[in-house]
C-alpha atoms as a PDB file:
ATOM      1  CA  MET A   1      18.683  48.304  -2.414  1.00  0.00           C
ATOM      2  CA  ILE A   2      16.097  45.743  -1.286  1.00  0.00           C
ATOM      3  CA  SER A   3      12.523  46.995  -1.488  1.00  0.00           C
ATOM      4  CA  ASP A   4      10.275  46.765   1.556  1.00  0.00           C
ATOM      5  CA  GLU A   5       7.210  46.552  -0.653  1.00  0.00           C
ATOM      6  CA  ILE A   6       4.868  43.746   0.329  1.00  0.00           C
ATOM      7  CA  VAL A   7       4.009  41.476  -2.552  1.00  0.00           C
ATOM      8  CA  THR A   8       0.693  39.692  -2.313  1.00  0.00           C
ATOM      9  CA  VAL A   9       0.157  36.353  -4.024  1.00  0.00           C
ATOM     10  CA  ASP A  10      -3.267  35.258  -5.189  1.00  0.00           C
ATOM     11  CA  ARG A  11      -4.443  31.720  -4.594  1.00  0.00           C
ATOM     12  CA  LEU A  12      -3.431  29.251  -7.237  1.00  0.00           C
ATOM     13  CA  PRO A  13      -5.748  29.319 -10.235  1.00  0.00           C
ATOM     14  CA  PRO A  14      -6.866  25.838 -11.236  1.00  0.00           C
ATOM     15  CA  ALA A  15      -4.806  24.226 -13.982  1.00  0.00           C
ATOM     16  CA  ASP A  16      -6.454  23.815 -17.354  1.00  0.00           C
ATOM     17  CA  VAL A  17      -6.785  20.038 -17.000  1.00  0.00           C
ATOM     18  CA  THR A  18      -9.958  18.078 -17.584  1.00  0.00           C
ATOM     19  CA  LEU A  19     -10.138  14.983 -15.409  1.00  0.00           C
ATOM     20  CA  PRO A  20     -10.537  12.126 -15.598  1.00  0.00           C
ATOM     21  CA  ILE A  21      -8.479  11.221 -18.633  1.00  0.00           C
ATOM     22  CA  HIS A  22      -9.942   8.132 -20.241  1.00  0.00           C
ATOM     23  CA  GLY A  23      -9.469   5.873 -23.215  1.00  0.00           C
ATOM     24  CA  ARG A  24     -11.209   2.813 -24.547  1.00  0.00           C
ATOM     25  CA  ILE A  25     -10.732  -0.895 -24.133  1.00  0.00           C
ATOM     26  CA  VAL A  26     -10.945  -3.552 -26.818  1.00  0.00           C
ATOM     27  CA  ARG A  27     -11.264  -6.891 -25.088  1.00  0.00           C
ATOM     28  CA  PRO A  28      -9.898 -10.088 -26.633  1.00  0.00           C
ATOM     29  CA  GLU A  29     -12.215 -12.850 -27.758  1.00  0.00           C
ATOM     30  CA  HIS A  30     -13.605 -14.900 -24.893  1.00  0.00           C
ATOM     31  CA  ALA A  31     -12.380 -18.104 -26.532  1.00  0.00           C
ATOM     32  CA  LEU A  32      -8.794 -16.831 -26.396  1.00  0.00           C
ATOM     33  CA  ILE A  33      -9.100 -16.125 -22.674  1.00  0.00           C
ATOM     34  CA  GLU A  34     -10.445 -19.627 -22.106  1.00  0.00           C
ATOM     35  CA  GLN A  35      -7.552 -21.177 -24.014  1.00  0.00           C
ATOM     36  CA  LEU A  36      -5.059 -19.378 -21.781  1.00  0.00           C
ATOM     37  CA  ARG A  37      -6.576 -20.596 -18.522  1.00  0.00           C
ATOM     38  CA  ASP A  38      -4.208 -23.569 -18.388  1.00  0.00           C
ATOM     39  CA  VAL A  39      -1.125 -21.360 -18.878  1.00  0.00           C
ATOM     40  CA  SER A  40       0.654 -20.377 -15.660  1.00  0.00           C
ATOM     41  CA  SER A  41       2.263 -16.998 -15.073  1.00  0.00           C
ATOM     42  CA  ALA A  42       5.657 -18.742 -15.098  1.00  0.00           C
ATOM     43  CA  ALA A  43       4.988 -20.376 -18.451  1.00  0.00           C
ATOM     44  CA  ALA A  44       3.676 -17.110 -19.895  1.00  0.00           C
ATOM     45  CA  SER A  45       6.692 -15.162 -18.633  1.00  0.00           C
ATOM     46  CA  ALA A  46       9.182 -17.694 -20.014  1.00  0.00           C
ATOM     47  CA  THR A  47       7.400 -17.892 -23.356  1.00  0.00           C
ATOM     48  CA  LEU A  48       7.246 -14.116 -23.759  1.00  0.00           C
ATOM     49  CA  TYR A  49      10.932 -13.827 -22.872  1.00  0.00           C
ATOM     50  CA  LYS A  50      11.802 -16.256 -25.669  1.00  0.00           C
ATOM     51  CA  MET A  51       9.639 -14.201 -28.012  1.00  0.00           C
ATOM     52  CA  GLY A  52      11.595 -11.051 -27.144  1.00  0.00           C
ATOM     53  CA  VAL A  53       9.242  -9.474 -24.577  1.00  0.00           C
ATOM     54  CA  GLN A  54      11.498  -9.201 -21.545  1.00  0.00           C
ATOM     55  CA  ARG A  55       9.330  -6.950 -19.380  1.00  0.00           C
ATOM     56  CA  ALA A  56       6.099  -8.814 -18.756  1.00  0.00           C
ATOM     57  CA  PHE A  57       6.314  -9.694 -15.042  1.00  0.00           C
ATOM     58  CA  ILE A  58       4.696  -7.067 -12.806  1.00  0.00           C
ATOM     59  CA  ARG A  59       7.206  -6.530 -10.010  1.00  0.00           C
ATOM     60  CA  GLY A  60       5.948  -5.526  -6.581  1.00  0.00           C
ATOM     61  CA  PRO A  61       2.362  -6.746  -6.161  1.00  0.00           C
ATOM     62  CA  GLN A  62       2.293  -9.954  -4.120  1.00  0.00           C
ATOM     63  CA  PRO A  63      -0.426 -12.627  -4.070  1.00  0.00           C
ATOM     64  CA  ARG A  64      -2.714 -11.840  -1.122  1.00  0.00           C
ATOM     65  CA  THR A  65      -5.177 -14.664  -1.789  1.00  0.00           C
ATOM     66  CA  PRO A  66      -2.976 -17.800  -1.996  1.00  0.00           C
ATOM     67  CA  GLY A  67      -4.140 -20.475  -4.390  1.00  0.00           C
ATOM     68  CA  ARG A  68      -6.246 -18.096  -6.463  1.00  0.00           C
ATOM     69  CA  ARG A  69      -5.601 -17.591 -10.159  1.00  0.00           C
ATOM     70  CA  VAL A  70      -7.038 -15.220 -12.741  1.00  0.00           C
ATOM     71  CA  VAL A  71      -6.830 -14.824 -16.495  1.00  0.00           C
ATOM     72  CA  GLY A  72      -8.606 -11.874 -18.042  1.00  0.00           C
ATOM     73  CA  PRO A  73      -8.428  -8.586 -19.954  1.00  0.00           C
ATOM     74  CA  ALA A  74      -6.853  -5.594 -18.215  1.00  0.00           C
ATOM     75  CA  VAL A  75      -9.020  -2.647 -17.243  1.00  0.00           C
ATOM     76  CA  THR A  76      -6.653   0.083 -16.101  1.00  0.00           C
ATOM     77  CA  LEU A  77      -6.745   2.736 -13.379  1.00  0.00           C
ATOM     78  CA  GLN A  78      -4.007   5.364 -13.272  1.00  0.00           C
ATOM     79  CA  PHE A  79      -2.964   7.314 -10.180  1.00  0.00           C
ATOM     80  CA  MET A  80      -0.650  10.306 -10.511  1.00  0.00           C
ATOM     81  CA  PRO A  81       1.070  12.606  -8.007  1.00  0.00           C
ATOM     82  CA  GLN A  82      -1.145  15.272  -6.518  1.00  0.00           C
ATOM     83  CA  ARG A  83      -0.464  18.888  -7.391  1.00  0.00           C
ATOM     84  CA  GLU A  84      -2.037  21.786  -5.553  1.00  0.00           C
ATOM     85  CA  ASP A  85      -3.544  23.478  -8.593  1.00  0.00           C
ATOM     86  CA  VAL A  86      -5.144  20.319  -9.965  1.00  0.00           C
ATOM     87  CA  PRO A  87      -8.416  19.235  -8.302  1.00  0.00           C
ATOM     88  CA  SER A  88      -8.428  15.558  -7.417  1.00  0.00           C
ATOM     89  CA  GLY A  89     -12.105  15.056  -8.235  1.00  0.00           C
ATOM     90  CA  MET A  90     -12.513  13.489  -4.784  1.00  0.00           C
ATOM     91  CA  GLY A  91     -14.535  15.941  -2.729  1.00  0.00           C
ATOM     92  CA  PRO A  92     -15.469  15.684   0.939  1.00  0.00           C
ATOM     93  CA  GLU A  93     -17.141  12.359   1.723  1.00  0.00           C
ATOM     94  CA  HIS A  94     -16.835  11.466  -1.960  1.00  0.00           C
ATOM     95  CA  ALA A  95     -19.307  14.205  -2.916  1.00  0.00           C
ATOM     96  CA  GLU A  96     -17.828  14.314  -6.403  1.00  0.00           C
ATOM     97  CA  LYS A  97     -18.055  10.913  -8.075  1.00  0.00           C
ATOM     98  CA  SER A  98     -16.579  11.969 -11.394  1.00  0.00           C
ATOM     99  CA  SER A  99     -12.980  10.916 -10.739  1.00  0.00           C
ATOM    100  CA  ALA A 100     -11.257   8.045 -12.507  1.00  0.00           C
ATOM    101  CA  LEU A 101     -11.546   5.997  -9.313  1.00  0.00           C
ATOM    102  CA  TRP A 102     -15.331   6.014  -9.607  1.00  0.00           C
ATOM    103  CA  MET A 103     -15.656   5.970 -13.384  1.00  0.00           C
ATOM    104  CA  VAL A 104     -13.452   2.934 -13.993  1.00  0.00           C
ATOM    105  CA  PHE A 105     -15.909   0.713 -12.134  1.00  0.00           C
ATOM    106  CA  GLU A 106     -18.633   1.739 -14.562  1.00  0.00           C
ATOM    107  CA  THR A 107     -16.631  -0.011 -17.288  1.00  0.00           C
ATOM    108  CA  ILE A 108     -16.029  -3.330 -15.495  1.00  0.00           C
ATOM    109  CA  GLU A 109     -17.393  -6.419 -17.244  1.00  0.00           C
ATOM    110  CA  SER A 110     -17.437 -10.054 -16.203  1.00  0.00           C
ATOM    111  CA  GLY A 111     -13.944 -11.550 -16.190  1.00  0.00           C
ATOM    112  CA  ASP A 112     -12.041  -8.249 -16.189  1.00  0.00           C
ATOM    113  CA  VAL A 113      -8.836  -7.746 -14.205  1.00  0.00           C
ATOM    114  CA  LEU A 114      -8.364  -4.282 -12.687  1.00  0.00           C
ATOM    115  CA  VAL A 115      -4.739  -3.140 -13.041  1.00  0.00           C
ATOM    116  CA  VAL A 116      -3.766  -0.103 -10.962  1.00  0.00           C
ATOM    117  CA  GLN A 117      -0.775   2.190 -11.442  1.00  0.00           C
ATOM    118  CA  ALA A 118       0.231   3.632  -8.052  1.00  0.00           C
ATOM    119  CA  PHE A 119       4.056   3.604  -8.151  1.00  0.00           C
ATOM    120  CA  GLY A 120       4.269   1.132  -5.261  1.00  0.00           C
ATOM    121  CA  ASP A 121       3.102   3.939  -2.954  1.00  0.00           C
ATOM    122  CA  PRO A 122       2.795   2.703   0.663  1.00  0.00           C
ATOM    123  CA  SER A 123       0.259   5.305   1.791  1.00  0.00           C
ATOM    124  CA  THR A 124      -2.450   5.597  -0.867  1.00  0.00           C
ATOM    125  CA  GLY A 125      -5.446   3.288  -0.460  1.00  0.00           C
ATOM    126  CA  CYS A 126      -6.253   2.741  -4.117  1.00  0.00           C
ATOM    127  CA  VAL A 127      -9.462   0.786  -3.496  1.00  0.00           C
ATOM    128  CA  GLY A 128     -11.413  -0.252  -0.424  1.00  0.00           C
ATOM    129  CA  GLU A 129     -14.244  -2.520   0.593  1.00  0.00           C
ATOM    130  CA  MET A 130     -17.124  -0.689  -1.072  1.00  0.00           C
ATOM    131  CA  LEU A 131     -15.619  -0.351  -4.546  1.00  0.00           C
ATOM    132  CA  THR A 132     -14.307  -3.919  -4.310  1.00  0.00           C
ATOM    133  CA  THR A 133     -17.868  -5.001  -3.534  1.00  0.00           C
ATOM    134  CA  CYS A 134     -18.973  -3.168  -6.694  1.00  0.00           C
ATOM    135  CA  PHE A 135     -16.160  -4.826  -8.640  1.00  0.00           C
ATOM    136  CA  LYS A 136     -17.243  -8.284  -7.523  1.00  0.00           C
ATOM    137  CA  GLY A 137     -20.889  -7.495  -8.211  1.00  0.00           C
ATOM    138  CA  ARG A 138     -20.033  -6.635 -11.797  1.00  0.00           C
ATOM    139  CA  GLY A 139     -18.183  -9.930 -12.239  1.00  0.00           C
ATOM    140  CA  GLY A 140     -14.607  -8.675 -11.976  1.00  0.00           C
ATOM    141  CA  ALA A 141     -12.091 -11.507 -11.830  1.00  0.00           C
ATOM    142  CA  GLY A 142      -9.299  -9.963  -9.740  1.00  0.00           C
ATOM    143  CA  MET A 143      -7.187  -6.904  -9.025  1.00  0.00           C
ATOM    144  CA  VAL A 144      -3.460  -6.220  -9.503  1.00  0.00           C
ATOM    145  CA  VAL A 145      -2.492  -3.091  -7.578  1.00  0.00           C
ATOM    146  CA  ASP A 146       0.979  -1.554  -7.759  1.00  0.00           C
ATOM    147  CA  GLY A 147       0.273   0.076  -4.416  1.00  0.00           C
ATOM    148  CA  CYS A 148      -1.948  -0.512  -1.403  1.00  0.00           C
ATOM    149  CA  VAL A 149      -5.566  -1.238  -0.614  1.00  0.00           C
ATOM    150  CA  ARG A 150      -7.554  -0.399   2.503  1.00  0.00           C
ATOM    151  CA  ASP A 151     -10.185  -2.456   4.368  1.00  0.00           C
ATOM    152  CA  TRP A 152      -8.143  -5.584   3.741  1.00  0.00           C
ATOM    153  CA  ALA A 153      -9.989  -7.772   6.245  1.00  0.00           C
ATOM    154  CA  ARG A 154     -13.298  -7.034   4.539  1.00  0.00           C
ATOM    155  CA  ILE A 155     -11.869  -7.389   1.034  1.00  0.00           C
ATOM    156  CA  ARG A 156     -10.518 -10.785   2.044  1.00  0.00           C
ATOM    157  CA  GLU A 157     -14.033 -11.809   3.134  1.00  0.00           C
ATOM    158  CA  LEU A 158     -15.299 -10.812  -0.309  1.00  0.00           C
ATOM    159  CA  ASP A 159     -12.930 -13.453  -1.758  1.00  0.00           C
ATOM    160  CA  VAL A 160     -11.748 -11.252  -4.624  1.00  0.00           C
ATOM    161  CA  PRO A 161      -8.329 -12.414  -5.867  1.00  0.00           C
ATOM    162  CA  LEU A 162      -5.822  -9.683  -5.103  1.00  0.00           C
ATOM    163  CA  TRP A 163      -2.190  -8.896  -5.844  1.00  0.00           C
ATOM    164  CA  SER A 164      -0.942  -5.775  -4.073  1.00  0.00           C
ATOM    165  CA  VAL A 165       2.171  -4.173  -2.615  1.00  0.00           C
ATOM    166  CA  GLY A 166       0.547  -3.845   0.785  1.00  0.00           C
ATOM    167  CA  PHE A 167      -2.216  -2.347   2.916  1.00  0.00           C
ATOM    168  CA  THR A 168      -2.984   1.063   4.397  1.00  0.00           C
ATOM    169  CA  PRO A 169      -5.748   2.726   6.421  1.00  0.00           C
ATOM    170  CA  ASN A 170      -5.675   5.751   4.103  1.00  0.00           C
ATOM    171  CA  TYR A 171      -8.224   6.575   1.447  1.00  0.00           C
ATOM    172  CA  ALA A 172      -7.389   7.327  -2.182  1.00  0.00           C
ATOM    173  CA  THR A 173      -6.342  10.988  -1.936  1.00  0.00           C
ATOM    174  CA  GLN A 174      -5.236  11.101   1.695  1.00  0.00           C
ATOM    175  CA  ALA A 175      -1.555  10.775   0.766  1.00  0.00           C
ATOM    176  CA  GLY A 176       0.369  11.964  -2.279  1.00  0.00           C
ATOM    177  CA  LEU A 177      -1.514  10.443  -5.213  1.00  0.00           C
ATOM    178  CA  MET A 178      -4.831  11.052  -6.913  1.00  0.00           C
ATOM    179  CA  PRO A 179      -6.929   9.178  -9.501  1.00  0.00           C
ATOM    180  CA  TRP A 180      -6.029  10.524 -12.926  1.00  0.00           C
ATOM    181  CA  GLY A 181      -7.170   8.307 -15.768  1.00  0.00           C
ATOM    182  CA  TYR A 182      -8.837   5.027 -16.624  1.00  0.00           C
ATOM    183  CA  ASN A 183      -8.602   2.648 -19.553  1.00  0.00           C
ATOM    184  CA  VAL A 184      -5.378   4.344 -20.575  1.00  0.00           C
ATOM    185  CA  PRO A 185      -1.862   2.857 -20.790  1.00  0.00           C
ATOM    186  CA  VAL A 186      -0.392   2.444 -17.306  1.00  0.00           C
ATOM    187  CA  ALA A 187       2.941   1.514 -15.762  1.00  0.00           C
ATOM    188  CA  CYS A 188       2.324  -1.259 -13.248  1.00  0.00           C
ATOM    189  CA  GLY A 189       5.336  -2.698 -11.463  1.00  0.00           C
ATOM    190  CA  GLY A 190       7.653  -1.413 -14.167  1.00  0.00           C
ATOM    191  CA  VAL A 191       5.589  -2.961 -16.956  1.00  0.00           C
ATOM    192  CA  LEU A 192       3.528  -1.238 -19.638  1.00  0.00           C
ATOM    193  CA  VAL A 193      -0.068  -2.452 -19.518  1.00  0.00           C
ATOM    194  CA  LEU A 194      -2.490  -1.493 -22.278  1.00  0.00           C
ATOM    195  CA  PRO A 195      -6.252  -1.764 -21.824  1.00  0.00           C
ATOM    196  CA  GLY A 196      -7.288  -5.152 -23.184  1.00  0.00           C
ATOM    197  CA  ASP A 197      -3.931  -6.844 -22.607  1.00  0.00           C
ATOM    198  CA  ILE A 198      -4.377 -10.225 -20.937  1.00  0.00           C
ATOM    199  CA  VAL A 199      -3.301 -10.615 -17.315  1.00  0.00           C
ATOM    200  CA  ILE A 200      -2.318 -14.040 -15.989  1.00  0.00           C
ATOM    201  CA  ALA A 201      -1.857 -13.974 -12.214  1.00  0.00           C
ATOM    202  CA  ASP A 202      -1.292 -16.774  -9.717  1.00  0.00           C
ATOM    203  CA  ASP A 203       0.898 -17.562  -6.710  1.00  0.00           C
ATOM    204  CA  ASP A 204       4.040 -16.664  -8.679  1.00  0.00           C
ATOM    205  CA  GLY A 205       2.745 -13.160  -9.425  1.00  0.00           C
ATOM    206  CA  ALA A 206       1.148 -11.336 -12.339  1.00  0.00           C
ATOM    207  CA  VAL A 207       2.258 -11.342 -15.984  1.00  0.00           C
ATOM    208  CA  VAL A 208       0.952  -9.209 -18.850  1.00  0.00           C
ATOM    209  CA  VAL A 209       0.419 -10.944 -22.186  1.00  0.00           C
ATOM    210  CA  PRO A 210       0.105  -8.485 -25.101  1.00  0.00           C
ATOM    211  CA  GLN A 211      -3.193  -9.183 -26.788  1.00  0.00           C
ATOM    212  CA  GLN A 212      -1.654  -9.602 -30.238  1.00  0.00           C
ATOM    213  CA  LEU A 213       0.783 -12.244 -28.937  1.00  0.00           C
ATOM    214  CA  ALA A 214      -1.700 -14.253 -26.901  1.00  0.00           C
ATOM    215  CA  SER A 215      -2.390 -16.972 -29.476  1.00  0.00           C
ATOM    216  CA  GLU A 216       1.307 -17.714 -29.960  1.00  0.00           C
ATOM    217  CA  VAL A 217       1.932 -17.640 -26.206  1.00  0.00           C
ATOM    218  CA  MET A 218      -0.837 -20.180 -25.781  1.00  0.00           C
ATOM    219  CA  ARG A 219       0.551 -22.484 -28.479  1.00  0.00           C
ATOM    220  CA  VAL A 220       4.146 -22.428 -27.221  1.00  0.00           C
ATOM    221  CA  ALA A 221       3.252 -22.615 -23.536  1.00  0.00           C
ATOM    222  CA  ARG A 222       0.951 -25.595 -24.075  1.00  0.00           C
ATOM    223  CA  HIS A 223       3.669 -27.476 -25.927  1.00  0.00           C
ATOM    224  CA  HIS A 224       6.122 -26.649 -23.134  1.00  0.00           C
ATOM    225  CA  ALA A 225       3.662 -27.874 -20.500  1.00  0.00           C
ATOM    226  CA  GLU A 226       3.164 -31.112 -22.407  1.00  0.00           C
ATOM    227  CA  TRP A 227       6.829 -32.122 -22.534  1.00  0.00           C
ATOM    228  CA  GLU A 228       7.265 -30.952 -18.943  1.00  0.00           C
ATOM    229  CA  ALA A 229       4.564 -33.441 -17.925  1.00  0.00           C
ATOM    230  CA  PHE A 230       6.686 -36.201 -19.485  1.00  0.00           C
ATOM    231  CA  SER A 231       9.850 -34.842 -17.838  1.00  0.00           C
ATOM    232  CA  ARG A 232       8.131 -34.736 -14.458  1.00  0.00           C
ATOM    233  CA  ILE A 233       7.271 -38.418 -14.740  1.00  0.00           C
ATOM    234  CA  LYS A 234      10.832 -39.386 -15.677  1.00  0.00           C
ATOM    235  CA  LEU A 235      12.448 -37.228 -12.970  1.00  0.00           C
ATOM    236  CA  ALA A 236      10.084 -38.678 -10.341  1.00  0.00           C
ATOM    237  CA  GLN A 237      11.336 -42.110 -11.425  1.00  0.00           C
ATOM    238  CA  GLY A 238      14.922 -41.030 -10.763  1.00  0.00           C
ATOM    239  CA  GLY A 239      15.802 -39.966 -14.303  1.00  0.00           C
ATOM    240  CA  SER A 240      18.689 -37.608 -14.951  1.00  0.00           C
ATOM    241  CA  PRO A 241      17.979 -33.897 -15.456  1.00  0.00           C
ATOM    242  CA  GLN A 242      20.782 -34.013 -18.027  1.00  0.00           C
ATOM    243  CA  VAL A 243      18.416 -36.075 -20.156  1.00  0.00           C
ATOM    244  CA  TYR A 244      14.967 -34.944 -19.081  1.00  0.00           C
ATOM    245  CA  TYR A 245      15.116 -31.260 -18.116  1.00  0.00           C
ATOM    246  CA  PRO A 246      15.228 -29.687 -20.509  1.00  0.00           C
ATOM    247  CA  LEU A 247      14.939 -32.572 -22.920  1.00  0.00           C
ATOM    248  CA  SER A 248      18.117 -33.729 -24.578  1.00  0.00           C
ATOM    249  CA  GLU A 249      17.962 -35.376 -27.984  1.00  0.00           C
ATOM    250  CA  GLU A 250      17.676 -38.739 -26.257  1.00  0.00           C
ATOM    251  CA  GLY A 251      14.956 -37.431 -23.981  1.00  0.00           C
ATOM    252  CA  ARG A 252      13.062 -35.879 -26.865  1.00  0.00           C
ATOM    253  CA  ARG A 253      13.019 -39.181 -28.746  1.00  0.00           C
ATOM    254  CA  GLU A 254      11.570 -40.865 -25.664  1.00  0.00           C
ATOM    255  CA  TYR A 255       9.048 -38.072 -25.306  1.00  0.00           C
ATOM    256  CA  GLU A 256       7.829 -38.493 -28.894  1.00  0.00           C
ATOM    257  CA  VAL A 257       7.265 -42.228 -28.302  1.00  0.00           C
ATOM    258  CA  TRP A 258       5.466 -41.454 -25.009  1.00  0.00           C
ATOM    259  CA  ARG A 259       3.260 -38.854 -26.667  1.00  0.00           C
ATOM    260  CA  GLN A 260       2.333 -41.157 -29.540  1.00  0.00           C
ATOM    261  CA  GLN A 261       1.430 -43.969 -27.150  1.00  0.00           C
ATOM    262  CA  ARG A 262      -0.620 -41.596 -25.022  1.00  0.00           C
ATOM    263  CA  ASP A 263      -2.536 -40.251 -28.016  1.00  0.00           C
ATOM    264  CA  GLU A 264      -3.217 -43.763 -29.362  1.00  0.00           C
ATOM    265  CA  GLY A 265      -4.441 -44.828 -25.931  1.00  0.00           C
ATOM    266  CA  ALA A 266      -6.758 -41.831 -25.760  1.00  0.00           C
ATOM    267  CA  LYS A 267      -8.238 -42.663 -29.182  1.00  0.00           C
ATOM    268  CA  ALA A 268      -8.746 -46.290 -28.202  1.00  0.00           C
ATOM    269  CA  THR A 269     -10.680 -45.353 -25.075  1.00  0.00           C
ATOM    270  CA  GLY A 270     -12.484 -42.443 -26.718  1.00  0.00           C
END
């Protein structure tokens, strides 16, 4: 027999979760960042693939500031799905400024790239004009957002390089996500990004270079760019791609002669 007894349910008790979750960032040497400035995202992606790192390209975020390029250490911001028993840390009119969304900007240093995990969500405005203004004021280099931003017209006027999935009028907790952690490992566009990894982003998109592989990526990519410069000259002169791209043995012999002559010419004029 089914009971007619009325069962009352208390309001959800808050979950035993302390937010925000945060880690620490160890930035690479400034000299290493400078050496990578001539390496494109395409060259970095190809080099990492040859080294066995097949998931380095951040899929989803598109270049919103054409012609801009950034190279810098990743500072990470992690959004997670909202759950009713977990406070978001984003009170009315931002009364509570203890969430990861606010705290991550306290850690920004000159040259940093903010990388945001937001699952490609079309409705969550991960950052807006005011926090982007703060980001620029602290010397941030650019932002890669696997989600949306709000106040796009004003962010564009700030001239902060941006890669994002799109735009939304919503604020950070208006939809289904909430700020969860900062300077922790994040999944951005299907790629693992660790705080301090190096982000190279340009018109082809954003690529993550693991910090411990950066020196080798730089060495290989620079060599690749050098012989490509020779190949570009030969192809522009009507040369065959069978010989000059990539270099055949014949093409490589010509390249070595070209490189030697170029270096000798540089010494003579230096």
